[in-house]
Amino acid sequence: MMERAQRLQRQFFRFGHAVAAEPRWEPPVDILAYGNEVQVAVALPGVAAEHIEVRTDSGLLIVGATRPLPVTNHATAVHRLEIPYGRFERRIALPEGRYQLLEQAYVNGCLRLRLAQR
């Protein structure tokens, strides 16, 4: 069972330069709704706030960026990489309706978004 889990992890968290623009992983999210507002928290430790892209498209909230590998040169010996790196994109289905982004903050490695239904 453990071997299967490790194989799946390798399958989803691939490294390489051939398809650098293609999303490689998805960060975990929390979604909470309060009346006509929706709050979304996206776990993005190690991602620079200025590199995060947020947009809405047809009922989806789309968050994307790149978490660069911490390897600085070819002589680096990697003993273990469990945190996913590379390009990510998370498509989050919102409750039905049209939304306006009211607030965007990056606090302690979490992107916090507040949206209101129009």
PDB file of N, CA and C in Angstrom:
ATOM      1  N   MET A   1       0.824  -1.193   0.000  1.00  0.00           N
ATOM      2  CA  MET A   1       0.000   0.000   0.000  1.00  0.00           C
ATOM      3  C   MET A   1       0.875   1.266   0.000  1.00  0.00           C
ATOM      4  N   MET A   2       1.936   1.221   0.819  1.00  0.00           N
ATOM      5  CA  MET A   2       2.835   2.365   0.892  1.00  0.00           C
ATOM      6  C   MET A   2       3.545   2.580  -0.450  1.00  0.00           C
ATOM      7  N   GLU A   3       3.935   1.478  -1.082  1.00  0.00           N
ATOM      8  CA  GLU A   3       4.594   1.571  -2.389  1.00  0.00           C
ATOM      9  C   GLU A   3       3.665   2.209  -3.430  1.00  0.00           C
ATOM     10  N   ARG A   4       2.393   1.841  -3.393  1.00  0.00           N
ATOM     11  CA  ARG A   4       1.416   2.415  -4.328  1.00  0.00           C
ATOM     12  C   ARG A   4       1.252   3.914  -4.088  1.00  0.00           C
ATOM     13  N   ALA A   5       1.206   4.319  -2.822  1.00  0.00           N
ATOM     14  CA  ALA A   5       1.091   5.739  -2.491  1.00  0.00           C
ATOM     15  C   ALA A   5       2.304   6.514  -2.981  1.00  0.00           C
ATOM     16  N   GLN A   6       3.493   5.948  -2.806  1.00  0.00           N
ATOM     17  CA  GLN A   6       4.699   6.622  -3.279  1.00  0.00           C
ATOM     18  C   GLN A   6       4.723   6.722  -4.804  1.00  0.00           C
ATOM     19  N   ARG A   7       4.254   5.683  -5.488  1.00  0.00           N
ATOM     20  CA  ARG A   7       4.193   5.703  -6.952  1.00  0.00           C
ATOM     21  C   ARG A   7       3.235   6.792  -7.429  1.00  0.00           C
ATOM     22  N   LEU A   8       2.070   6.888  -6.760  1.00  0.00           N
ATOM     23  CA  LEU A   8       1.111   7.933  -7.123  1.00  0.00           C
ATOM     24  C   LEU A   8       1.689   9.317  -6.881  1.00  0.00           C
ATOM     25  N   GLN A   9       2.403   9.480  -5.768  1.00  0.00           N
ATOM     26  CA  GLN A   9       3.014  10.774  -5.487  1.00  0.00           C
ATOM     27  C   GLN A   9       4.019  11.131  -6.575  1.00  0.00           C
ATOM     28  N   ARG A  10       4.852  10.183  -6.974  1.00  0.00           N
ATOM     29  CA  ARG A  10       5.819  10.450  -8.046  1.00  0.00           C
ATOM     30  C   ARG A  10       5.108  10.800  -9.346  1.00  0.00           C
ATOM     31  N   GLN A  11       3.975  10.150  -9.595  1.00  0.00           N
ATOM     32  CA  GLN A  11       3.224  10.400 -10.816  1.00  0.00           C
ATOM     33  C   GLN A  11       2.675  11.821 -10.847  1.00  0.00           C
ATOM     34  N   PHE A  12       2.175  12.314  -9.712  1.00  0.00           N
ATOM     35  CA  PHE A  12       1.552  13.628  -9.678  1.00  0.00           C
ATOM     36  C   PHE A  12       2.538  14.757  -9.432  1.00  0.00           C
ATOM     37  N   PHE A  13       3.656  14.494  -8.782  1.00  0.00           N
ATOM     38  CA  PHE A  13       4.648  15.521  -8.485  1.00  0.00           C
ATOM     39  C   PHE A  13       5.903  15.267  -9.299  1.00  0.00           C
ATOM     40  N   ARG A  14       5.779  15.382 -10.622  1.00  0.00           N
ATOM     41  CA  ARG A  14       6.892  15.145 -11.541  1.00  0.00           C
ATOM     42  C   ARG A  14       7.745  16.405 -11.664  1.00  0.00           C
ATOM     43  N   PHE A  15       9.024  16.197 -11.952  1.00  0.00           N
ATOM     44  CA  PHE A  15       9.942  17.306 -12.161  1.00  0.00           C
ATOM     45  C   PHE A  15      10.465  17.240 -13.580  1.00  0.00           C
ATOM     46  N   GLY A  16      10.910  18.371 -14.092  1.00  0.00           N
ATOM     47  CA  GLY A  16      11.477  18.387 -15.432  1.00  0.00           C
ATOM     48  C   GLY A  16      11.277  19.745 -16.066  1.00  0.00           C
ATOM     49  N   HIS A  17      11.999  19.976 -17.112  1.00  0.00           N
ATOM     50  CA  HIS A  17      11.936  21.275 -17.790  1.00  0.00           C
ATOM     51  C   HIS A  17      11.122  21.212 -19.069  1.00  0.00           C
ATOM     52  N   ALA A  18      10.782  20.031 -19.549  1.00  0.00           N
ATOM     53  CA  ALA A  18      10.126  19.885 -20.848  1.00  0.00           C
ATOM     54  C   ALA A  18       8.764  20.560 -20.902  1.00  0.00           C
ATOM     55  N   VAL A  19       8.013  20.517 -19.830  1.00  0.00           N
ATOM     56  CA  VAL A  19       6.670  21.104 -19.813  1.00  0.00           C
ATOM     57  C   VAL A  19       6.533  22.042 -18.613  1.00  0.00           C
ATOM     58  N   ALA A  20       7.448  22.986 -18.489  1.00  0.00           N
ATOM     59  CA  ALA A  20       7.492  23.876 -17.330  1.00  0.00           C
ATOM     60  C   ALA A  20       6.232  24.721 -17.179  1.00  0.00           C
ATOM     61  N   ALA A  21       5.558  25.070 -18.277  1.00  0.00           N
ATOM     62  CA  ALA A  21       4.368  25.909 -18.200  1.00  0.00           C
ATOM     63  C   ALA A  21       3.130  25.119 -17.797  1.00  0.00           C
ATOM     64  N   GLU A  22       3.191  23.804 -17.887  1.00  0.00           N
ATOM     65  CA  GLU A  22       2.052  22.949 -17.562  1.00  0.00           C
ATOM     66  C   GLU A  22       1.929  22.789 -16.044  1.00  0.00           C
ATOM     67  N   PRO A  23       0.727  22.935 -15.474  1.00  0.00           N
ATOM     68  CA  PRO A  23       0.578  22.750 -14.027  1.00  0.00           C
ATOM     69  C   PRO A  23       1.008  21.352 -13.602  1.00  0.00           C
ATOM     70  N   ARG A  24       1.713  21.257 -12.462  1.00  0.00           N
ATOM     71  CA  ARG A  24       2.257  20.000 -11.995  1.00  0.00           C
ATOM     72  C   ARG A  24       1.614  19.505 -10.696  1.00  0.00           C
ATOM     73  N   TRP A  25       0.969  20.385  -9.949  1.00  0.00           N
ATOM     74  CA  TRP A  25       0.374  19.984  -8.683  1.00  0.00           C
ATOM     75  C   TRP A  25      -0.734  20.964  -8.315  1.00  0.00           C
ATOM     76  N   GLU A  26      -1.523  20.630  -7.303  1.00  0.00           N
ATOM     77  CA  GLU A  26      -2.616  21.484  -6.833  1.00  0.00           C
ATOM     78  C   GLU A  26      -2.495  21.679  -5.330  1.00  0.00           C
ATOM     79  N   PRO A  27      -2.504  22.932  -4.855  1.00  0.00           N
ATOM     80  CA  PRO A  27      -2.424  23.169  -3.413  1.00  0.00           C
ATOM     81  C   PRO A  27      -3.773  22.887  -2.743  1.00  0.00           C
ATOM     82  N   PRO A  28      -3.755  22.541  -1.458  1.00  0.00           N
ATOM     83  CA  PRO A  28      -5.015  22.330  -0.735  1.00  0.00           C
ATOM     84  C   PRO A  28      -5.726  23.662  -0.480  1.00  0.00           C
ATOM     85  N   VAL A  29      -7.044  23.613  -0.412  1.00  0.00           N
ATOM     86  CA  VAL A  29      -7.843  24.819  -0.178  1.00  0.00           C
ATOM     87  C   VAL A  29      -8.908  24.568   0.885  1.00  0.00           C
ATOM     88  N   ASP A  30      -9.335  25.644   1.532  1.00  0.00           N
ATOM     89  CA  ASP A  30     -10.514  25.661   2.401  1.00  0.00           C
ATOM     90  C   ASP A  30     -11.484  26.657   1.792  1.00  0.00           C
ATOM     91  N   ILE A  31     -12.762  26.313   1.738  1.00  0.00           N
ATOM     92  CA  ILE A  31     -13.788  27.201   1.182  1.00  0.00           C
ATOM     93  C   ILE A  31     -14.910  27.304   2.205  1.00  0.00           C
ATOM     94  N   LEU A  32     -15.223  28.526   2.603  1.00  0.00           N
ATOM     95  CA  LEU A  32     -16.295  28.777   3.565  1.00  0.00           C
ATOM     96  C   LEU A  32     -17.244  29.809   2.981  1.00  0.00           C
ATOM     97  N   ALA A  33     -18.545  29.605   3.143  1.00  0.00           N
ATOM     98  CA  ALA A  33     -19.545  30.551   2.637  1.00  0.00           C
ATOM     99  C   ALA A  33     -20.314  31.144   3.805  1.00  0.00           C
ATOM    100  N   TYR A  34     -20.498  32.454   3.756  1.00  0.00           N
ATOM    101  CA  TYR A  34     -21.257  33.199   4.759  1.00  0.00           C
ATOM    102  C   TYR A  34     -22.227  34.106   4.028  1.00  0.00           C
ATOM    103  N   GLY A  35     -23.490  33.751   3.973  1.00  0.00           N
ATOM    104  CA  GLY A  35     -24.464  34.568   3.257  1.00  0.00           C
ATOM    105  C   GLY A  35     -24.072  34.700   1.801  1.00  0.00           C
ATOM    106  N   ASN A  36     -23.839  35.943   1.337  1.00  0.00           N
ATOM    107  CA  ASN A  36     -23.470  36.146  -0.073  1.00  0.00           C
ATOM    108  C   ASN A  36     -21.952  36.235  -0.279  1.00  0.00           C
ATOM    109  N   GLU A  37     -21.166  35.929   0.766  1.00  0.00           N
ATOM    110  CA  GLU A  37     -19.706  35.961   0.643  1.00  0.00           C
ATOM    111  C   GLU A  37     -19.119  34.554   0.689  1.00  0.00           C
ATOM    112  N   VAL A  38     -18.008  34.395  -0.001  1.00  0.00           N
ATOM    113  CA  VAL A  38     -17.254  33.142   0.015  1.00  0.00           C
ATOM    114  C   VAL A  38     -15.821  33.494   0.391  1.00  0.00           C
ATOM    115  N   GLN A  39     -15.267  32.762   1.357  1.00  0.00           N
ATOM    116  CA  GLN A  39     -13.878  32.937   1.755  1.00  0.00           C
ATOM    117  C   GLN A  39     -13.102  31.692   1.345  1.00  0.00           C
ATOM    118  N   VAL A  40     -11.963  31.922   0.704  1.00  0.00           N
ATOM    119  CA  VAL A  40     -11.129  30.829   0.220  1.00  0.00           C
ATOM    120  C   VAL A  40      -9.728  31.018   0.790  1.00  0.00           C
ATOM    121  N   ALA A  41      -9.162  29.939   1.344  1.00  0.00           N
ATOM    122  CA  ALA A  41      -7.772  29.939   1.803  1.00  0.00           C
ATOM    123  C   ALA A  41      -7.028  28.887   0.989  1.00  0.00           C
ATOM    124  N   VAL A  42      -5.898  29.290   0.406  1.00  0.00           N
ATOM    125  CA  VAL A  42      -5.085  28.393  -0.419  1.00  0.00           C
ATOM    126  C   VAL A  42      -3.708  28.294   0.230  1.00  0.00           C
ATOM    127  N   ALA A  43      -3.275  27.079   0.584  1.00  0.00           N
ATOM    128  CA  ALA A  43      -1.982  26.866   1.235  1.00  0.00           C
ATOM    129  C   ALA A  43      -0.861  26.955   0.195  1.00  0.00           C
ATOM    130  N   LEU A  44      -0.022  27.998   0.308  1.00  0.00           N
ATOM    131  CA  LEU A  44       1.047  28.238  -0.670  1.00  0.00           C
ATOM    132  C   LEU A  44       2.379  28.595  -0.011  1.00  0.00           C
ATOM    133  N   PRO A  45       2.840  27.820   0.973  1.00  0.00           N
ATOM    134  CA  PRO A  45       4.118  28.177   1.602  1.00  0.00           C
ATOM    135  C   PRO A  45       5.255  28.129   0.587  1.00  0.00           C
ATOM    136  N   GLY A  46       6.133  29.120   0.654  1.00  0.00           N
ATOM    137  CA  GLY A  46       7.275  29.153  -0.255  1.00  0.00           C
ATOM    138  C   GLY A  46       7.012  29.805  -1.592  1.00  0.00           C
ATOM    139  N   VAL A  47       5.801  30.309  -1.808  1.00  0.00           N
ATOM    140  CA  VAL A  47       5.463  30.987  -3.060  1.00  0.00           C
ATOM    141  C   VAL A  47       5.439  32.487  -2.789  1.00  0.00           C
ATOM    142  N   ALA A  48       6.163  33.251  -3.585  1.00  0.00           N
ATOM    143  CA  ALA A  48       6.190  34.705  -3.419  1.00  0.00           C
ATOM    144  C   ALA A  48       4.832  35.299  -3.778  1.00  0.00           C
ATOM    145  N   ALA A  49       4.320  36.166  -2.924  1.00  0.00           N
ATOM    146  CA  ALA A  49       2.992  36.755  -3.118  1.00  0.00           C
ATOM    147  C   ALA A  49       2.855  37.453  -4.461  1.00  0.00           C
ATOM    148  N   GLU A  50       3.912  38.109  -4.927  1.00  0.00           N
ATOM    149  CA  GLU A  50       3.831  38.859  -6.187  1.00  0.00           C
ATOM    150  C   GLU A  50       3.773  37.956  -7.413  1.00  0.00           C
ATOM    151  N   HIS A  51       4.006  36.673  -7.251  1.00  0.00           N
ATOM    152  CA  HIS A  51       3.950  35.741  -8.377  1.00  0.00           C
ATOM    153  C   HIS A  51       2.627  34.983  -8.471  1.00  0.00           C
ATOM    154  N   ILE A  52       1.723  35.223  -7.531  1.00  0.00           N
ATOM    155  CA  ILE A  52       0.449  34.502  -7.516  1.00  0.00           C
ATOM    156  C   ILE A  52      -0.536  35.184  -8.461  1.00  0.00           C
ATOM    157  N   GLU A  53      -1.167  34.376  -9.320  1.00  0.00           N
ATOM    158  CA  GLU A  53      -2.177  34.878 -10.254  1.00  0.00           C
ATOM    159  C   GLU A  53      -3.551  34.414  -9.771  1.00  0.00           C
ATOM    160  N   VAL A  54      -4.514  35.335  -9.685  1.00  0.00           N
ATOM    161  CA  VAL A  54      -5.876  34.996  -9.284  1.00  0.00           C
ATOM    162  C   VAL A  54      -6.828  35.549 -10.328  1.00  0.00           C
ATOM    163  N   ARG A  55      -7.737  34.685 -10.814  1.00  0.00           N
ATOM    164  CA  ARG A  55      -8.747  35.156 -11.767  1.00  0.00           C
ATOM    165  C   ARG A  55     -10.006  34.306 -11.627  1.00  0.00           C
ATOM    166  N   THR A  56     -11.102  34.797 -12.145  1.00  0.00           N
ATOM    167  CA  THR A  56     -12.350  34.040 -12.190  1.00  0.00           C
ATOM    168  C   THR A  56     -12.723  33.826 -13.645  1.00  0.00           C
ATOM    169  N   ASP A  57     -13.360  32.675 -13.908  1.00  0.00           N
ATOM    170  CA  ASP A  57     -13.753  32.344 -15.271  1.00  0.00           C
ATOM    171  C   ASP A  57     -14.906  31.353 -15.218  1.00  0.00           C
ATOM    172  N   SER A  58     -16.071  31.767 -15.641  1.00  0.00           N
ATOM    173  CA  SER A  58     -17.244  30.884 -15.757  1.00  0.00           C
ATOM    174  C   SER A  58     -17.519  30.064 -14.498  1.00  0.00           C
ATOM    175  N   GLY A  59     -17.622  30.728 -13.358  1.00  0.00           N
ATOM    176  CA  GLY A  59     -17.938  30.032 -12.115  1.00  0.00           C
ATOM    177  C   GLY A  59     -16.757  29.367 -11.436  1.00  0.00           C
ATOM    178  N   LEU A  60     -15.544  29.593 -11.965  1.00  0.00           N
ATOM    179  CA  LEU A  60     -14.341  29.026 -11.362  1.00  0.00           C
ATOM    180  C   LEU A  60     -13.449  30.140 -10.826  1.00  0.00           C
ATOM    181  N   LEU A  61     -12.837  29.881  -9.697  1.00  0.00           N
ATOM    182  CA  LEU A  61     -11.772  30.723  -9.170  1.00  0.00           C
ATOM    183  C   LEU A  61     -10.485  29.987  -9.520  1.00  0.00           C
ATOM    184  N   ILE A  62      -9.565  30.653 -10.215  1.00  0.00           N
ATOM    185  CA  ILE A  62      -8.344  30.009 -10.676  1.00  0.00           C
ATOM    186  C   ILE A  62      -7.149  30.698 -10.018  1.00  0.00           C
ATOM    187  N   VAL A  63      -6.342  29.900  -9.307  1.00  0.00           N
ATOM    188  CA  VAL A  63      -5.152  30.398  -8.626  1.00  0.00           C
ATOM    189  C   VAL A  63      -3.956  29.651  -9.201  1.00  0.00           C
ATOM    190  N   GLY A  64      -2.932  30.393  -9.628  1.00  0.00           N
ATOM    191  CA  GLY A  64      -1.758  29.756 -10.207  1.00  0.00           C
ATOM    192  C   GLY A  64      -0.486  30.504  -9.871  1.00  0.00           C
ATOM    193  N   ALA A  65       0.641  29.794  -9.917  1.00  0.00           N
ATOM    194  CA  ALA A  65       1.982  30.360  -9.723  1.00  0.00           C
ATOM    195  C   ALA A  65       2.983  29.229  -9.884  1.00  0.00           C
ATOM    196  N   THR A  66       4.219  29.520  -9.506  1.00  0.00           N
ATOM    197  CA  THR A  66       5.265  28.515  -9.545  1.00  0.00           C
ATOM    198  C   THR A  66       6.015  28.530  -8.226  1.00  0.00           C
ATOM    199  N   ARG A  67       6.214  27.361  -7.639  1.00  0.00           N
ATOM    200  CA  ARG A  67       7.091  27.239  -6.480  1.00  0.00           C
ATOM    201  C   ARG A  67       8.403  26.695  -7.014  1.00  0.00           C
ATOM    202  N   PRO A  68       9.476  27.530  -6.993  1.00  0.00           N
ATOM    203  CA  PRO A  68      10.746  27.084  -7.579  1.00  0.00           C
ATOM    204  C   PRO A  68      11.426  26.029  -6.710  1.00  0.00           C
ATOM    205  N   LEU A  69      12.158  25.144  -7.363  1.00  0.00           N
ATOM    206  CA  LEU A  69      12.957  24.152  -6.637  1.00  0.00           C
ATOM    207  C   LEU A  69      14.031  24.857  -5.820  1.00  0.00           C
ATOM    208  N   PRO A  70      14.332  24.360  -4.629  1.00  0.00           N
ATOM    209  CA  PRO A  70      15.366  24.998  -3.810  1.00  0.00           C
ATOM    210  C   PRO A  70      16.785  24.634  -4.245  1.00  0.00           C
ATOM    211  N   VAL A  71      16.925  23.868  -5.314  1.00  0.00           N
ATOM    212  CA  VAL A  71      18.230  23.456  -5.810  1.00  0.00           C
ATOM    213  C   VAL A  71      18.880  24.640  -6.520  1.00  0.00           C
ATOM    214  N   THR A  72      20.078  25.003  -6.088  1.00  0.00           N
ATOM    215  CA  THR A  72      20.742  26.177  -6.652  1.00  0.00           C
ATOM    216  C   THR A  72      21.749  25.847  -7.732  1.00  0.00           C
ATOM    217  N   ASN A  73      22.276  24.610  -7.749  1.00  0.00           N
ATOM    218  CA  ASN A  73      23.211  24.230  -8.803  1.00  0.00           C
ATOM    219  C   ASN A  73      23.200  22.714  -8.967  1.00  0.00           C
ATOM    220  N   HIS A  74      23.890  22.242  -9.967  1.00  0.00           N
ATOM    221  CA  HIS A  74      23.875  20.806 -10.285  1.00  0.00           C
ATOM    222  C   HIS A  74      24.610  19.952  -9.252  1.00  0.00           C
ATOM    223  N   ALA A  75      25.425  20.564  -8.407  1.00  0.00           N
ATOM    224  CA  ALA A  75      26.178  19.806  -7.417  1.00  0.00           C
ATOM    225  C   ALA A  75      25.363  19.541  -6.149  1.00  0.00           C
ATOM    226  N   THR A  76      24.130  20.029  -6.086  1.00  0.00           N
ATOM    227  CA  THR A  76      23.287  19.845  -4.917  1.00  0.00           C
ATOM    228  C   THR A  76      22.866  18.384  -4.800  1.00  0.00           C
ATOM    229  N   ALA A  77      23.019  17.831  -3.613  1.00  0.00           N
ATOM    230  CA  ALA A  77      22.577  16.453  -3.347  1.00  0.00           C
ATOM    231  C   ALA A  77      21.199  16.514  -2.707  1.00  0.00           C
ATOM    232  N   VAL A  78      20.196  16.034  -3.407  1.00  0.00           N
ATOM    233  CA  VAL A  78      18.829  16.037  -2.884  1.00  0.00           C
ATOM    234  C   VAL A  78      18.607  14.727  -2.143  1.00  0.00           C
ATOM    235  N   HIS A  79      18.311  14.832  -0.851  1.00  0.00           N
ATOM    236  CA  HIS A  79      18.071  13.646  -0.037  1.00  0.00           C
ATOM    237  C   HIS A  79      16.591  13.291   0.016  1.00  0.00           C
ATOM    238  N   ARG A  80      15.747  14.306  -0.019  1.00  0.00           N
ATOM    239  CA  ARG A  80      14.304  14.064   0.008  1.00  0.00           C
ATOM    240  C   ARG A  80      13.586  15.334  -0.420  1.00  0.00           C
ATOM    241  N   LEU A  81      12.596  15.192  -1.286  1.00  0.00           N
ATOM    242  CA  LEU A  81      11.729  16.296  -1.678  1.00  0.00           C
ATOM    243  C   LEU A  81      10.290  15.803  -1.534  1.00  0.00           C
ATOM    244  N   GLU A  82       9.623  16.214  -0.490  1.00  0.00           N
ATOM    245  CA  GLU A  82       8.239  15.803  -0.271  1.00  0.00           C
ATOM    246  C   GLU A  82       7.260  16.929  -0.555  1.00  0.00           C
ATOM    247  N   ILE A  83       7.736  18.157  -0.521  1.00  0.00           N
ATOM    248  CA  ILE A  83       6.889  19.312  -0.819  1.00  0.00           C
ATOM    249  C   ILE A  83       6.867  19.482  -2.328  1.00  0.00           C
ATOM    250  N   PRO A  84       5.687  19.603  -2.940  1.00  0.00           N
ATOM    251  CA  PRO A  84       5.646  19.737  -4.400  1.00  0.00           C
ATOM    252  C   PRO A  84       6.220  21.076  -4.879  1.00  0.00           C
ATOM    253  N   TYR A  85       6.921  21.031  -6.011  1.00  0.00           N
ATOM    254  CA  TYR A  85       7.525  22.210  -6.616  1.00  0.00           C
ATOM    255  C   TYR A  85       7.122  22.276  -8.075  1.00  0.00           C
ATOM    256  N   GLY A  86       7.321  23.433  -8.663  1.00  0.00           N
ATOM    257  CA  GLY A  86       7.006  23.638 -10.066  1.00  0.00           C
ATOM    258  C   GLY A  86       5.730  24.445 -10.223  1.00  0.00           C
ATOM    259  N   ARG A  87       5.226  24.466 -11.426  1.00  0.00           N
ATOM    260  CA  ARG A  87       4.010  25.220 -11.766  1.00  0.00           C
ATOM    261  C   ARG A  87       2.797  24.540 -11.162  1.00  0.00           C
ATOM    262  N   PHE A  88       1.914  25.337 -10.562  1.00  0.00           N
ATOM    263  CA  PHE A  88       0.656  24.794 -10.071  1.00  0.00           C
ATOM    264  C   PHE A  88      -0.491  25.644 -10.568  1.00  0.00           C
ATOM    265  N   GLU A  89      -1.645  25.042 -10.596  1.00  0.00           N
ATOM    266  CA  GLU A  89      -2.875  25.759 -10.895  1.00  0.00           C
ATOM    267  C   GLU A  89      -3.992  25.034 -10.174  1.00  0.00           C
ATOM    268  N   ARG A  90      -4.785  25.776  -9.447  1.00  0.00           N
ATOM    269  CA  ARG A  90      -5.927  25.191  -8.745  1.00  0.00           C
ATOM    270  C   ARG A  90      -7.181  25.857  -9.272  1.00  0.00           C
ATOM    271  N   ARG A  91      -8.096  25.043  -9.798  1.00  0.00           N
ATOM    272  CA  ARG A  91      -9.382  25.524 -10.294  1.00  0.00           C
ATOM    273  C   ARG A  91     -10.425  25.158  -9.252  1.00  0.00           C
ATOM    274  N   ILE A  92     -11.060  26.170  -8.681  1.00  0.00           N
ATOM    275  CA  ILE A  92     -11.981  25.987  -7.576  1.00  0.00           C
ATOM    276  C   ILE A  92     -13.385  26.353  -8.041  1.00  0.00           C
ATOM    277  N   ALA A  93     -14.268  25.385  -8.025  1.00  0.00           N
ATOM    278  CA  ALA A  93     -15.661  25.644  -8.409  1.00  0.00           C
ATOM    279  C   ALA A  93     -16.336  26.414  -7.283  1.00  0.00           C
ATOM    280  N   LEU A  94     -16.913  27.545  -7.621  1.00  0.00           N
ATOM    281  CA  LEU A  94     -17.614  28.372  -6.637  1.00  0.00           C
ATOM    282  C   LEU A  94     -19.097  28.020  -6.643  1.00  0.00           C
ATOM    283  N   PRO A  95     -19.787  28.284  -5.513  1.00  0.00           N
ATOM    284  CA  PRO A  95     -21.237  28.112  -5.541  1.00  0.00           C
ATOM    285  C   PRO A  95     -21.818  28.937  -6.689  1.00  0.00           C
ATOM    286  N   GLU A  96     -22.900  28.487  -7.247  1.00  0.00           N
ATOM    287  CA  GLU A  96     -23.477  29.127  -8.429  1.00  0.00           C
ATOM    288  C   GLU A  96     -23.692  30.622  -8.221  1.00  0.00           C
ATOM    289  N   GLY A  97     -23.363  31.396  -9.243  1.00  0.00           N
ATOM    290  CA  GLY A  97     -23.535  32.847  -9.200  1.00  0.00           C
ATOM    291  C   GLY A  97     -22.330  33.555  -9.791  1.00  0.00           C
ATOM    292  N   ARG A  98     -22.390  34.887  -9.809  1.00  0.00           N
ATOM    293  CA  ARG A  98     -21.275  35.718 -10.279  1.00  0.00           C
ATOM    294  C   ARG A  98     -20.626  36.344  -9.059  1.00  0.00           C
ATOM    295  N   TYR A  99     -19.287  36.423  -9.072  1.00  0.00           N
ATOM    296  CA  TYR A  99     -18.547  36.886  -7.902  1.00  0.00           C
ATOM    297  C   TYR A  99     -17.598  38.028  -8.222  1.00  0.00           C
ATOM    298  N   GLN A 100     -17.392  38.850  -7.208  1.00  0.00           N
ATOM    299  CA  GLN A 100     -16.440  39.947  -7.282  1.00  0.00           C
ATOM    300  C   GLN A 100     -15.416  39.723  -6.172  1.00  0.00           C
ATOM    301  N   LEU A 101     -14.127  39.857  -6.502  1.00  0.00           N
ATOM    302  CA  LEU A 101     -13.070  39.716  -5.514  1.00  0.00           C
ATOM    303  C   LEU A 101     -13.038  40.972  -4.654  1.00  0.00           C
ATOM    304  N   LEU A 102     -13.297  40.821  -3.356  1.00  0.00           N
ATOM    305  CA  LEU A 102     -13.306  41.953  -2.439  1.00  0.00           C
ATOM    306  C   LEU A 102     -11.958  42.163  -1.758  1.00  0.00           C
ATOM    307  N   GLU A 103     -11.297  41.058  -1.448  1.00  0.00           N
ATOM    308  CA  GLU A 103     -10.055  41.161  -0.679  1.00  0.00           C
ATOM    309  C   GLU A 103      -9.123  40.007  -1.042  1.00  0.00           C
ATOM    310  N   GLN A 104      -7.825  40.333  -1.115  1.00  0.00           N
ATOM    311  CA  GLN A 104      -6.794  39.322  -1.365  1.00  0.00           C
ATOM    312  C   GLN A 104      -5.636  39.621  -0.439  1.00  0.00           C
ATOM    313  N   ALA A 105      -5.270  38.654   0.404  1.00  0.00           N
ATOM    314  CA  ALA A 105      -4.157  38.821   1.341  1.00  0.00           C
ATOM    315  C   ALA A 105      -3.332  37.548   1.365  1.00  0.00           C
ATOM    316  N   TYR A 106      -2.045  37.708   1.618  1.00  0.00           N
ATOM    317  CA  TYR A 106      -1.127  36.570   1.715  1.00  0.00           C
ATOM    318  C   TYR A 106      -0.523  36.602   3.105  1.00  0.00           C
ATOM    319  N   VAL A 107      -0.949  35.672   3.964  1.00  0.00           N
ATOM    320  CA  VAL A 107      -0.559  35.684   5.372  1.00  0.00           C
ATOM    321  C   VAL A 107      -0.029  34.308   5.764  1.00  0.00           C
ATOM    322  N   ASN A 108       1.190  34.268   6.294  1.00  0.00           N
ATOM    323  CA  ASN A 108       1.796  33.027   6.790  1.00  0.00           C
ATOM    324  C   ASN A 108       1.725  31.882   5.781  1.00  0.00           C
ATOM    325  N   GLY A 109       1.997  32.168   4.520  1.00  0.00           N
ATOM    326  CA  GLY A 109       2.012  31.128   3.506  1.00  0.00           C
ATOM    327  C   GLY A 109       0.648  30.721   2.982  1.00  0.00           C
ATOM    328  N   CYS A 110      -0.401  31.439   3.377  1.00  0.00           N
ATOM    329  CA  CYS A 110      -1.754  31.151   2.888  1.00  0.00           C
ATOM    330  C   CYS A 110      -2.299  32.355   2.133  1.00  0.00           C
ATOM    331  N   LEU A 111      -2.805  32.088   0.941  1.00  0.00           N
ATOM    332  CA  LEU A 111      -3.505  33.118   0.182  1.00  0.00           C
ATOM    333  C   LEU A 111      -4.942  33.128   0.681  1.00  0.00           C
ATOM    334  N   ARG A 112      -5.405  34.275   1.138  1.00  0.00           N
ATOM    335  CA  ARG A 112      -6.771  34.400   1.645  1.00  0.00           C
ATOM    336  C   ARG A 112      -7.549  35.325   0.711  1.00  0.00           C
ATOM    337  N   LEU A 113      -8.657  34.803   0.195  1.00  0.00           N
ATOM    338  CA  LEU A 113      -9.500  35.552  -0.735  1.00  0.00           C
ATOM    339  C   LEU A 113     -10.891  35.685  -0.159  1.00  0.00           C
ATOM    340  N   ARG A 114     -11.487  36.858  -0.349  1.00  0.00           N
ATOM    341  CA  ARG A 114     -12.879  37.084   0.041  1.00  0.00           C
ATOM    342  C   ARG A 114     -13.623  37.569  -1.178  1.00  0.00           C
ATOM    343  N   LEU A 115     -14.657  36.831  -1.546  1.00  0.00           N
ATOM    344  CA  LEU A 115     -15.458  37.158  -2.729  1.00  0.00           C
ATOM    345  C   LEU A 115     -16.902  37.403  -2.312  1.00  0.00           C
ATOM    346  N   ALA A 116     -17.579  38.265  -3.053  1.00  0.00           N
ATOM    347  CA  ALA A 116     -19.006  38.520  -2.807  1.00  0.00           C
ATOM    348  C   ALA A 116     -19.787  38.186  -4.058  1.00  0.00           C
ATOM    349  N   GLN A 117     -20.925  37.584  -3.824  1.00  0.00           N
ATOM    350  CA  GLN A 117     -21.811  37.264  -4.946  1.00  0.00           C
ATOM    351  C   GLN A 117     -22.499  38.541  -5.389  1.00  0.00           C
ATOM    352  N   ARG A 118     -22.514  38.767  -6.699  1.00  0.00           N
ATOM    353  CA  ARG A 118     -23.138  39.999  -7.235  1.00  0.00           C
ATOM    354  C   ARG A 118     -24.578  39.746  -7.542  1.00  0.00           C
TER     355      ARG A 118
END
